[in-house]
Amino acid sequence: MAAPRRALVVIDVQQEYFEGLLQIQHPPREESRARVVEAMTAAADADVPVVVVRHAAPAGSPVFDPATPTFELHPDVAALAEGATLEITKSFASVFAGTGLEEWLRERDVDTVTLVGYMTNNCVLGSAAAAEPLGLTVEVLSDATGAIDIVNAAGSAPARQVHDTLMALLASSWAAVATTQEWVDAVRAGAALPADNLVESAARGRGPRPAQA
């Protein structure tokens, strides 16, 4: 099997998620930020293209207003972004919508995108789903992204539940889900990450459930 032709896509590691209204709650944001930095460093060492993405909302918006300090990248990521292969700005959840990223990846024969950043329950999920009709293989690093508590008219869910549920959902159909260390090992070995599928995930779901810790 040919080695994956990867690109690491770093999604919206902006101060909005650290100091703004959307502070990441699970995994702890400083831990997930450290894993993002680890992935970026490993990608650079392995000559894997790195795409750094920022989300921009219209002026005056409560979040991601380009005129506010929370629009800026986290300083640790900003320092590494100077060596990124590509920097783009988006206005939708998907990193592909209106950004030209798909064409850029095609020009470089990239067939696998590795997603890190924020949030699990918005732009990571939206980007993974959008990659499916493009024929791209998706990898998501579970400890290098994060979620927030959600409460709305339809119900509520704590950040841990949101994150863990979406990792299981992504792994069942849309992505190979792994830790950052597992991904770094796979990059160094030129290997693909093991992937699951919906049929086998559903079959296991009908079986005995593992005991909760």
Protein backbone atom coordinates (compact mmCIF):
# COMPACT_ATOMS: atom_id res chain seq x y z
CA MET A 1 0.00 0.00 0.00
CA ALA A 2 1.34 3.42 -0.95
CA ALA A 3 2.18 5.83 1.86
CA PRO A 4 -0.46 8.48 2.51
CA ARG A 5 0.25 11.84 0.91
CA ARG A 6 -0.73 13.96 3.88
CA ALA A 7 -1.35 17.58 4.70
CA LEU A 8 -1.84 18.74 8.29
CA VAL A 9 -4.73 21.22 8.55
CA VAL A 10 -4.61 23.35 11.70
CA ILE A 11 -8.11 24.73 12.21
CA ASP A 12 -8.79 28.01 14.03
CA VAL A 13 -6.33 27.79 16.92
CA GLN A 14 -7.26 31.38 17.71
CA GLN A 15 -7.41 33.30 20.96
CA GLU A 16 -11.22 33.15 20.79
CA TYR A 17 -10.89 29.60 22.12
CA PHE A 18 -8.52 30.59 24.91
CA GLU A 19 -9.52 34.09 26.04
CA GLY A 20 -12.80 34.77 24.23
CA LEU A 21 -16.41 33.63 24.47
CA LEU A 22 -15.77 30.10 23.16
CA GLN A 23 -13.13 28.80 25.57
CA ILE A 24 -12.45 25.12 24.95
CA GLN A 25 -13.38 22.90 27.89
CA HIS A 26 -12.49 19.32 26.92
CA PRO A 27 -9.83 18.15 26.49
CA PRO A 28 -8.25 20.97 28.53
CA ARG A 29 -7.37 23.68 26.02
CA GLU A 30 -3.73 24.03 27.03
CA GLU A 31 -3.26 20.28 26.62
CA SER A 32 -4.89 20.19 23.19
CA ARG A 33 -2.92 23.28 22.15
CA ALA A 34 0.31 21.51 23.12
CA ARG A 35 -0.68 18.53 20.98
CA VAL A 36 -1.37 20.85 18.03
CA VAL A 37 2.12 22.29 18.39
CA GLU A 38 3.53 18.77 18.60
CA ALA A 39 1.75 17.77 15.39
CA MET A 40 2.92 20.91 13.56
CA THR A 41 6.51 20.28 14.62
CA ALA A 42 6.39 16.64 13.54
CA ALA A 43 4.83 17.59 10.20
CA ALA A 44 7.56 20.13 9.51
CA ASP A 45 10.24 17.57 10.39
CA ALA A 46 8.67 15.06 7.97
CA ASP A 47 8.07 17.59 5.15
CA VAL A 48 4.30 17.19 5.51
CA PRO A 49 2.57 20.36 4.23
CA VAL A 50 0.98 22.41 7.00
CA VAL A 51 -2.12 24.53 6.36
CA VAL A 52 -3.00 27.08 9.04
CA VAL A 53 -6.64 28.23 9.01
CA ARG A 54 -8.32 31.15 10.73
CA HIS A 55 -12.04 31.84 10.97
CA ALA A 56 -13.24 35.36 10.22
CA ALA A 57 -16.70 36.74 11.00
CA PRO A 58 -18.11 40.09 9.87
CA ALA A 59 -16.96 43.21 11.67
CA GLY A 60 -18.85 43.72 14.92
CA SER A 61 -19.57 40.02 15.43
CA PRO A 62 -19.33 38.81 19.04
CA VAL A 63 -16.69 36.23 18.03
CA PHE A 64 -13.95 36.11 15.37
CA ASP A 65 -14.15 39.80 14.54
CA PRO A 66 -10.88 40.44 12.64
CA ALA A 67 -10.46 43.75 14.44
CA THR A 68 -10.31 42.13 17.90
CA PRO A 69 -7.39 40.49 19.73
CA THR A 70 -9.22 37.15 20.00
CA PHE A 71 -9.13 36.80 16.21
CA GLU A 72 -5.36 36.26 16.40
CA LEU A 73 -3.73 32.84 16.46
CA HIS A 74 -2.56 31.48 19.80
CA PRO A 75 1.04 32.72 20.14
CA ASP A 76 2.51 29.19 20.13
CA VAL A 77 0.77 28.40 16.85
CA ALA A 78 1.49 31.84 15.41
CA ALA A 79 5.22 31.24 15.89
CA LEU A 80 5.03 28.01 13.89
CA ALA A 81 2.61 29.44 11.33
CA GLU A 82 5.46 31.51 9.92
CA GLY A 83 6.84 28.26 8.51
CA ALA A 84 3.48 26.91 7.35
CA THR A 85 3.07 25.92 3.72
CA LEU A 86 -0.23 27.78 3.40
CA GLU A 87 -2.35 30.17 5.48
CA ILE A 88 -6.02 30.66 4.67
CA THR A 89 -9.06 32.39 6.16
CA LYS A 90 -12.53 30.89 6.09
CA SER A 91 -16.05 32.04 6.88
CA PHE A 92 -17.85 28.67 7.09
CA ALA A 93 -17.38 25.59 9.26
CA SER A 94 -15.73 23.65 6.43
CA VAL A 95 -12.13 24.48 5.62
CA PHE A 96 -12.97 23.76 1.97
CA ALA A 97 -15.86 26.22 1.49
CA GLY A 98 -14.71 29.24 -0.49
CA THR A 99 -11.03 28.88 0.43
CA GLY A 100 -9.44 27.21 -2.60
CA LEU A 101 -7.96 24.56 -0.31
CA GLU A 102 -9.28 21.64 -2.36
CA GLU A 103 -7.53 22.88 -5.50
CA TRP A 104 -4.32 23.54 -3.57
CA LEU A 105 -4.34 19.98 -2.23
CA ARG A 106 -5.03 18.51 -5.67
CA GLU A 107 -2.10 20.41 -7.17
CA ARG A 108 0.17 18.72 -4.63
CA ASP A 109 -1.39 15.24 -4.99
CA VAL A 110 -2.44 15.24 -1.34
CA ASP A 111 -4.88 12.42 -0.67
CA THR A 112 -5.10 12.56 3.15
CA VAL A 113 -5.91 15.52 5.40
CA THR A 114 -5.14 15.42 9.11
CA LEU A 115 -7.41 17.72 11.10
CA VAL A 116 -6.45 19.37 14.39
CA GLY A 117 -7.79 22.46 16.11
CA TYR A 118 -11.19 23.76 17.08
CA MET A 119 -13.92 22.98 17.61
CA THR A 120 -14.65 19.28 17.57
CA ASN A 121 -18.37 20.06 17.39
CA ASN A 122 -18.20 22.62 14.60
CA CYS A 123 -15.33 23.13 12.19
CA VAL A 124 -13.59 19.78 12.71
CA LEU A 125 -16.86 17.91 12.21
CA GLY A 126 -17.90 20.12 9.29
CA SER A 127 -14.53 19.78 7.56
CA ALA A 128 -14.43 16.00 7.97
CA ALA A 129 -17.91 15.66 6.48
CA ALA A 130 -17.08 18.02 3.62
CA ALA A 131 -13.98 16.00 2.72
CA GLU A 132 -16.01 12.84 2.00
CA PRO A 133 -17.48 13.88 -1.39
CA LEU A 134 -14.05 15.20 -2.37
CA GLY A 135 -12.59 11.71 -2.10
CA LEU A 136 -10.07 12.73 0.55
CA THR A 137 -9.06 10.44 3.38
CA VAL A 138 -9.48 12.15 6.75
CA GLU A 139 -7.54 11.75 9.98
CA VAL A 140 -8.57 13.47 13.23
CA LEU A 141 -6.25 13.71 16.22
CA SER A 142 -8.49 13.26 19.25
CA ASP A 143 -6.20 14.97 21.75
CA ALA A 144 -5.41 17.91 19.46
CA THR A 145 -8.95 19.24 19.17
CA GLY A 146 -11.60 20.16 21.73
CA ALA A 147 -15.22 20.92 22.50
CA ILE A 148 -17.40 23.14 24.70
CA ASP A 149 -20.51 22.58 26.81
CA ILE A 150 -23.64 22.89 24.70
CA VAL A 151 -27.08 24.03 25.89
CA ASN A 152 -29.92 24.96 23.53
CA ALA A 153 -33.62 24.37 22.90
CA ALA A 154 -32.93 20.83 21.70
CA GLY A 155 -31.08 19.77 24.83
CA SER A 156 -27.70 19.92 26.50
CA ALA A 157 -24.41 18.03 26.66
CA PRO A 158 -21.17 18.60 28.57
CA ALA A 159 -17.97 19.13 26.60
CA ARG A 160 -16.54 15.70 27.44
CA GLN A 161 -19.68 13.98 26.16
CA VAL A 162 -19.73 16.15 23.04
CA HIS A 163 -16.09 15.44 22.27
CA ASP A 164 -16.11 11.71 23.02
CA THR A 165 -19.37 11.15 21.12
CA LEU A 166 -18.12 12.99 18.06
CA MET A 167 -14.82 11.12 18.07
CA ALA A 168 -16.79 7.85 18.02
CA LEU A 169 -19.08 9.20 15.29
CA LEU A 170 -16.16 10.35 13.13
CA ALA A 171 -14.33 7.05 13.59
CA SER A 172 -17.42 5.10 12.57
CA SER A 173 -17.60 6.62 9.12
CA TRP A 174 -15.69 9.77 8.21
CA ALA A 175 -12.20 9.59 9.69
CA ALA A 176 -9.40 7.59 11.19
CA VAL A 177 -9.21 8.86 14.76
CA ALA A 178 -5.94 8.64 16.68
CA THR A 179 -3.85 10.39 19.30
CA THR A 180 -1.14 12.78 18.26
CA GLN A 181 1.58 10.32 19.25
CA GLU A 182 -0.04 7.55 17.18
CA TRP A 183 -0.15 9.92 14.22
CA VAL A 184 3.47 11.01 14.66
CA ASP A 185 4.52 7.36 14.70
CA ALA A 186 2.51 6.70 11.52
CA VAL A 187 4.03 9.72 9.77
CA ARG A 188 7.53 8.59 10.63
CA ALA A 189 6.73 5.09 9.37
CA GLY A 190 5.02 6.34 6.20
CA ALA A 191 1.95 4.35 7.24
CA ALA A 192 -1.77 4.94 7.19
CA LEU A 193 -3.72 5.09 10.42
CA PRO A 194 -6.08 2.15 11.01
CA ALA A 195 -9.66 3.07 10.18
CA ASP A 196 -12.97 1.64 11.33
CA ASN A 197 -16.31 1.58 9.51
CA LEU A 198 -20.00 2.05 10.18
CA VAL A 199 -21.04 -1.59 9.77
CA GLU A 200 -18.51 -2.94 12.26
CA SER A 201 -19.12 -0.05 14.66
CA ALA A 202 -22.85 -0.81 14.56
CA ALA A 203 -22.24 -4.53 15.13
CA ARG A 204 -20.12 -3.76 18.19
CA GLY A 205 -22.85 -1.38 19.38
CA ARG A 206 -25.27 -4.30 19.56
CA GLY A 207 -22.85 -6.30 21.70
CA PRO A 208 -21.99 -6.05 25.39
CA ARG A 209 -20.91 -2.56 26.40
CA PRO A 210 -17.58 -2.09 28.19
CA ALA A 211 -17.85 -1.21 31.86
CA GLN A 212 -17.60 2.50 32.62
CA ALA A 213 -14.61 3.57 34.69
